[in-house]
Amino acid sequence: MARNRPPRPSVLAGLSHIALAVWALLIILPLLWTFLASFKSNTEIFGDPLQLPGALRLDSWGRAWDKAHVGRYMLNTVIVVFFGTAGTMLFGSMAAYVLARYQFIGNKLIYYYFVAGLAFPVFLALGPLFFVVKQLGLLDSHVGLILVYIAYSLPFTVFFLAAFFRTLPETVAEAAMIDGASHTRTFFQIMVPMARPGLISITIFNVLGQWNQYLLPLVLLAGDPNKWVLTQGIAKISTLAGYEADWPGLFAALSMTILPVMVVYIIFQRQIQSGLSSGALK
């Protein structure tokens, strides 16, 4: 009977739950306040910060979308992040698969070269990167920004997926090769579906990282405001809000920026957790 008793909760487990609850409140409350402030007036925002909006004011969302051009910035961001993430996952998954499953001279060297990119801060390369992109004729273009996004996202993608591909059974790939499948067909039709949890997890991480990127667009897209992404637009709106006193419009723009990321994470949170746990358990 003693063996069937559930284990008593330890003090460490209780403290960890309290820490997680405090951390959740520190994340949720500012997001909730930002969303509610987008429906308030300036008087309500600078009054009692805990009071609810007196009325459901949607005009601030309209000003943020039209006057502050959040719609244009969001479209540019979606385009850049879509192609940037797609290119990262395509090249990153192929490189990780080859480095994880094939042995050749320089395999470890190439792998460690990718891993070294994780320790290289972005701001250290902003100057040389600016001149390289300028010489290629890609400055102030979405193509140049997409290529840079892919380059800076590859180290983490290769590092994560290489470890995941090593856990997949080799017998399945060997059986496919015996049946006459080429290396390319084995990768795309057999190994990629098997690695789906890991691919989904790293895709979400890349989307979040590229969506919130600010330094690279600030340097590579500084010239043409029509090509700016959301982070640049929000920085401009925050500056103008201080002069025009349109704080509800600023919080509405912030809410438009936050909501798509939250929706993506809520939809795919189980896939993210299963991908991370699968990679760890295998």
Protein backbone atom coordinates (compact mmCIF):
# COMPACT_ATOMS: atom_id res chain seq x y z
CA MET A 1 0.00 0.00 0.00
CA ALA A 2 2.89 2.36 0.74
CA ARG A 3 4.19 2.01 -2.80
CA ASN A 4 0.90 3.23 -4.28
CA ARG A 5 0.89 6.48 -2.33
CA PRO A 6 1.47 9.56 -4.48
CA PRO A 7 4.73 11.36 -3.77
CA ARG A 8 4.52 14.33 -1.46
CA PRO A 9 5.16 17.68 -3.10
CA SER A 10 8.59 18.98 -2.16
CA VAL A 11 9.48 22.49 -1.09
CA LEU A 12 11.50 22.95 -4.27
CA ALA A 13 8.49 22.03 -6.40
CA GLY A 14 6.32 24.52 -4.55
CA LEU A 15 8.88 27.30 -4.96
CA SER A 16 9.21 26.51 -8.68
CA HIS A 17 5.43 26.80 -9.12
CA ILE A 18 5.44 30.14 -7.31
CA ALA A 19 8.29 31.39 -9.48
CA LEU A 20 6.44 30.30 -12.63
CA ALA A 21 3.26 32.03 -11.44
CA VAL A 22 5.16 35.27 -10.77
CA TRP A 23 6.87 35.03 -14.16
CA ALA A 24 3.52 34.46 -15.89
CA LEU A 25 2.04 37.54 -14.19
CA LEU A 26 5.06 39.64 -15.21
CA ILE A 27 4.43 38.66 -18.84
CA ILE A 28 0.63 38.65 -18.97
CA LEU A 29 -0.17 41.83 -17.04
CA PRO A 30 1.86 44.24 -19.24
CA LEU A 31 0.40 42.66 -22.39
CA LEU A 32 -3.13 42.93 -20.99
CA TRP A 33 -2.56 46.52 -19.92
CA THR A 34 -1.22 47.43 -23.38
CA PHE A 35 -4.27 45.90 -25.05
CA LEU A 36 -6.72 47.69 -22.72
CA ALA A 37 -4.85 51.00 -23.05
CA SER A 38 -5.48 50.96 -26.79
CA PHE A 39 -9.20 51.49 -26.03
CA LYS A 40 -8.64 54.29 -23.48
CA SER A 41 -8.30 58.03 -23.87
CA ASN A 42 -5.18 59.94 -22.88
CA THR A 43 -6.88 61.02 -19.65
CA GLU A 44 -7.67 57.43 -18.70
CA ILE A 45 -4.16 56.23 -19.57
CA PHE A 46 -2.47 58.80 -17.32
CA GLY A 47 -5.16 58.50 -14.65
CA ASP A 48 -5.80 55.29 -12.76
CA PRO A 49 -3.71 52.67 -14.62
CA LEU A 50 -5.85 49.80 -13.32
CA GLN A 51 -9.22 51.12 -14.41
CA LEU A 52 -11.00 49.62 -17.40
CA PRO A 53 -11.73 51.70 -20.51
CA GLY A 54 -14.77 53.90 -20.11
CA ALA A 55 -15.93 52.96 -23.62
CA LEU A 56 -14.87 50.67 -26.44
CA ARG A 57 -12.98 53.19 -28.58
CA LEU A 58 -11.87 51.71 -31.90
CA ASP A 59 -10.78 54.99 -33.47
CA SER A 60 -7.24 54.53 -32.12
CA TRP A 61 -6.95 51.24 -34.02
CA GLY A 62 -8.11 53.00 -37.19
CA ARG A 63 -5.54 55.77 -36.75
CA ALA A 64 -2.78 53.24 -36.15
CA TRP A 65 -3.75 51.25 -39.24
CA ASP A 66 -4.24 54.16 -41.66
CA LYS A 67 -2.45 57.25 -40.36
CA ALA A 68 0.54 55.44 -38.83
CA HIS A 69 0.67 52.95 -41.75
CA VAL A 70 0.74 49.86 -39.53
CA GLY A 71 -1.03 47.92 -42.27
CA ARG A 72 1.78 48.62 -44.73
CA TYR A 73 4.45 47.80 -42.16
CA MET A 74 2.70 44.56 -41.28
CA LEU A 75 2.44 43.51 -44.93
CA ASN A 76 6.16 44.17 -45.40
CA THR A 77 6.94 42.19 -42.25
CA VAL A 78 4.81 39.24 -43.35
CA ILE A 79 6.56 39.14 -46.73
CA VAL A 80 10.06 39.35 -45.25
CA VAL A 81 9.40 36.86 -42.44
CA PHE A 82 7.64 34.39 -44.75
CA PHE A 83 10.45 34.19 -47.30
CA GLY A 84 13.12 34.51 -44.63
CA THR A 85 11.72 31.63 -42.60
CA ALA A 86 11.07 29.52 -45.70
CA GLY A 87 14.64 29.96 -46.91
CA THR A 88 16.03 29.31 -43.44
CA MET A 89 14.10 26.08 -43.02
CA LEU A 90 14.91 24.84 -46.52
CA PHE A 91 18.65 25.43 -46.40
CA GLY A 92 18.95 24.80 -42.67
CA SER A 93 17.17 21.45 -42.73
CA MET A 94 19.20 20.21 -45.72
CA ALA A 95 22.49 21.29 -44.16
CA ALA A 96 21.57 19.80 -40.79
CA TYR A 97 20.53 16.50 -42.38
CA VAL A 98 23.79 16.16 -44.32
CA LEU A 99 25.93 17.08 -41.32
CA ALA A 100 24.03 14.70 -39.05
CA ARG A 101 23.73 11.64 -41.31
CA TYR A 102 26.71 11.70 -43.68
CA GLN A 103 30.37 11.36 -42.77
CA PHE A 104 32.90 13.18 -44.94
CA ILE A 105 36.09 15.17 -44.58
CA GLY A 106 35.35 18.52 -42.95
CA ASN A 107 31.99 17.45 -41.52
CA LYS A 108 32.81 18.49 -37.97
CA LEU A 109 34.55 21.65 -39.14
CA ILE A 110 31.48 22.82 -41.06
CA TYR A 111 29.20 21.93 -38.15
CA TYR A 112 31.30 23.87 -35.65
CA TYR A 113 31.43 26.74 -38.11
CA PHE A 114 27.64 26.94 -37.94
CA VAL A 115 27.66 26.58 -34.16
CA ALA A 116 30.20 29.41 -33.87
CA GLY A 117 27.62 31.69 -35.46
CA LEU A 118 25.50 31.38 -32.31
CA ALA A 119 28.17 33.22 -30.33
CA PHE A 120 28.55 36.06 -32.85
CA PRO A 121 26.50 39.14 -31.83
CA VAL A 122 24.57 40.80 -34.62
CA PHE A 123 25.70 44.34 -33.80
CA LEU A 124 29.37 43.45 -34.34
CA ALA A 125 28.74 42.80 -38.04
CA LEU A 126 26.42 45.71 -38.78
CA GLY A 127 29.14 47.89 -40.33
CA PRO A 128 30.69 45.27 -42.65
CA LEU A 129 27.24 43.87 -43.40
CA PHE A 130 26.01 47.28 -44.53
CA PHE A 131 28.84 47.67 -47.05
CA VAL A 132 28.52 44.09 -48.33
CA VAL A 133 24.79 44.47 -48.95
CA LYS A 134 25.39 47.87 -50.53
CA GLN A 135 28.00 46.48 -52.93
CA LEU A 136 25.57 43.75 -53.94
CA GLY A 137 22.99 46.39 -54.81
CA LEU A 138 20.51 45.02 -52.26
CA LEU A 139 20.47 47.92 -49.80
CA ASP A 140 16.98 49.25 -49.00
CA SER A 141 15.39 46.14 -50.50
CA HIS A 142 13.43 43.29 -48.99
CA VAL A 143 15.57 40.77 -50.87
CA GLY A 144 18.71 41.94 -49.09
CA LEU A 145 16.99 41.82 -45.70
CA ILE A 146 15.61 38.33 -46.39
CA LEU A 147 19.07 37.01 -47.31
CA VAL A 148 20.55 38.46 -44.12
CA TYR A 149 17.71 36.98 -42.05
CA ILE A 150 18.43 33.57 -43.55
CA ALA A 151 22.16 33.88 -42.85
CA TYR A 152 21.66 34.87 -39.22
CA SER A 153 18.99 32.23 -38.58
CA LEU A 154 20.95 29.32 -40.04
CA PRO A 155 23.32 28.68 -37.08
CA PHE A 156 20.57 27.98 -34.56
CA THR A 157 18.51 26.08 -37.14
CA VAL A 158 21.40 23.80 -38.11
CA PHE A 159 22.42 23.29 -34.49
CA PHE A 160 18.90 22.29 -33.40
CA LEU A 161 17.94 20.17 -36.41
CA ALA A 162 21.28 18.35 -36.62
CA ALA A 163 20.73 17.04 -33.11
CA PHE A 164 17.16 16.09 -34.05
CA PHE A 165 18.12 14.26 -37.26
CA ARG A 166 20.70 12.20 -35.36
CA THR A 167 17.89 10.72 -33.27
CA LEU A 168 15.94 9.40 -36.27
CA PRO A 169 16.37 5.67 -37.04
CA GLU A 170 18.85 4.92 -39.81
CA THR A 171 17.02 1.73 -40.84
CA VAL A 172 14.22 3.73 -42.47
CA ALA A 173 16.64 5.67 -44.68
CA GLU A 174 18.54 2.49 -45.53
CA ALA A 175 15.31 0.74 -46.53
CA ALA A 176 14.40 3.67 -48.78
CA MET A 177 17.81 3.54 -50.46
CA ILE A 178 17.42 -0.21 -51.04
CA ASP A 179 14.05 0.46 -52.69
CA GLY A 180 15.79 2.81 -55.14
CA ALA A 181 15.01 6.19 -53.56
CA SER A 182 17.58 8.90 -54.20
CA HIS A 183 19.15 10.95 -51.42
CA THR A 184 16.90 13.88 -52.27
CA ARG A 185 13.74 11.78 -52.29
CA THR A 186 14.71 10.09 -49.04
CA PHE A 187 15.18 13.45 -47.40
CA PHE A 188 12.01 15.19 -48.59
CA GLN A 189 9.57 12.25 -48.57
CA ILE A 190 10.79 10.21 -45.61
CA MET A 191 13.08 12.09 -43.25
CA VAL A 192 11.29 15.45 -43.32
CA PRO A 193 7.91 13.96 -42.30
CA MET A 194 9.63 12.04 -39.52
CA ALA A 195 11.28 15.24 -38.30
CA ARG A 196 8.05 17.25 -38.43
CA PRO A 197 7.87 18.04 -34.67
CA GLY A 198 11.37 19.47 -34.68
CA LEU A 199 10.78 21.38 -37.92
CA ILE A 200 7.62 22.99 -36.57
CA SER A 201 9.36 24.00 -33.35
CA ILE A 202 12.33 25.64 -35.04
CA THR A 203 10.03 27.29 -37.60
CA ILE A 204 8.09 29.03 -34.83
CA PHE A 205 11.33 30.16 -33.18
CA ASN A 206 12.56 31.60 -36.47
CA VAL A 207 9.26 33.36 -37.10
CA LEU A 208 9.36 34.96 -33.65
CA GLY A 209 13.01 35.96 -33.99
CA GLN A 210 12.64 37.50 -37.43
CA TRP A 211 9.31 39.16 -36.58
CA ASN A 212 10.89 40.99 -33.61
CA GLN A 213 14.18 41.86 -35.35
CA TYR A 214 14.99 45.56 -35.17
CA LEU A 215 18.72 46.18 -35.67
CA LEU A 216 19.02 44.57 -39.09
CA PRO A 217 16.04 46.39 -40.68
CA LEU A 218 17.20 49.63 -39.07
CA VAL A 219 20.54 49.36 -40.88
CA LEU A 220 19.49 47.73 -44.15
CA LEU A 221 16.11 49.44 -44.73
CA ALA A 222 16.78 52.92 -43.42
CA GLY A 223 16.28 54.74 -46.71
CA ASP A 224 12.74 54.01 -47.93
CA PRO A 225 9.94 54.25 -45.30
CA ASN A 226 7.55 52.44 -47.66
CA LYS A 227 9.63 49.28 -47.19
CA TRP A 228 9.92 49.47 -43.42
CA VAL A 229 8.89 46.53 -41.24
CA LEU A 230 6.82 46.62 -38.06
CA THR A 231 9.65 47.20 -35.61
CA GLN A 232 10.80 50.27 -37.52
CA GLY A 233 7.24 51.52 -37.80
CA ILE A 234 6.58 51.06 -34.08
CA ALA A 235 9.77 52.99 -33.25
CA LYS A 236 8.58 55.86 -35.45
CA ILE A 237 5.08 55.77 -33.96
CA SER A 238 6.46 55.85 -30.41
CA THR A 239 8.46 58.95 -31.28
CA LEU A 240 5.52 60.71 -32.91
CA ALA A 241 3.22 59.77 -30.03
CA GLY A 242 5.25 61.97 -27.71
CA TYR A 243 4.72 64.99 -29.98
CA GLU A 244 1.12 64.33 -30.98
CA ALA A 245 0.02 62.91 -27.61
CA ASP A 246 -1.65 59.97 -29.35
CA TRP A 247 -0.85 57.31 -26.78
CA PRO A 248 -3.95 55.19 -27.55
CA GLY A 249 -2.77 54.98 -31.17
CA LEU A 250 0.65 53.83 -30.00
CA PHE A 251 -0.80 51.08 -27.82
CA ALA A 252 -3.13 50.05 -30.64
CA ALA A 253 -0.13 49.70 -32.94
CA LEU A 254 1.68 47.65 -30.30
CA SER A 255 -1.36 45.42 -29.91
CA MET A 256 -1.48 44.83 -33.67
CA THR A 257 2.16 43.81 -33.52
CA ILE A 258 1.76 41.48 -30.55
CA LEU A 259 -1.51 39.73 -31.46
CA PRO A 260 -0.31 37.84 -34.60
CA VAL A 261 2.66 36.40 -32.70
CA MET A 262 0.44 35.36 -29.79
CA VAL A 263 -2.04 33.69 -32.12
CA VAL A 264 0.72 31.73 -33.87
CA TYR A 265 2.16 30.56 -30.58
CA ILE A 266 -1.24 29.60 -29.13
CA ILE A 267 -2.11 27.56 -32.23
CA PHE A 268 1.21 25.72 -32.40
CA GLN A 269 2.17 25.53 -28.72
CA ARG A 270 1.60 21.76 -28.53
CA GLN A 271 3.73 21.16 -31.61
CA ILE A 272 6.50 23.32 -30.13
CA GLN A 273 6.46 21.44 -26.83
CA SER A 274 6.31 18.03 -28.51
CA GLY A 275 9.17 18.93 -30.84
CA LEU A 276 11.41 20.08 -28.01
CA SER A 277 10.55 17.12 -25.80
CA SER A 278 10.99 14.65 -28.66
CA GLY A 279 14.44 16.00 -29.43
CA ALA A 280 15.39 15.80 -25.76
CA LEU A 281 13.95 12.34 -25.03
CA LYS A 282 15.27 10.62 -28.14
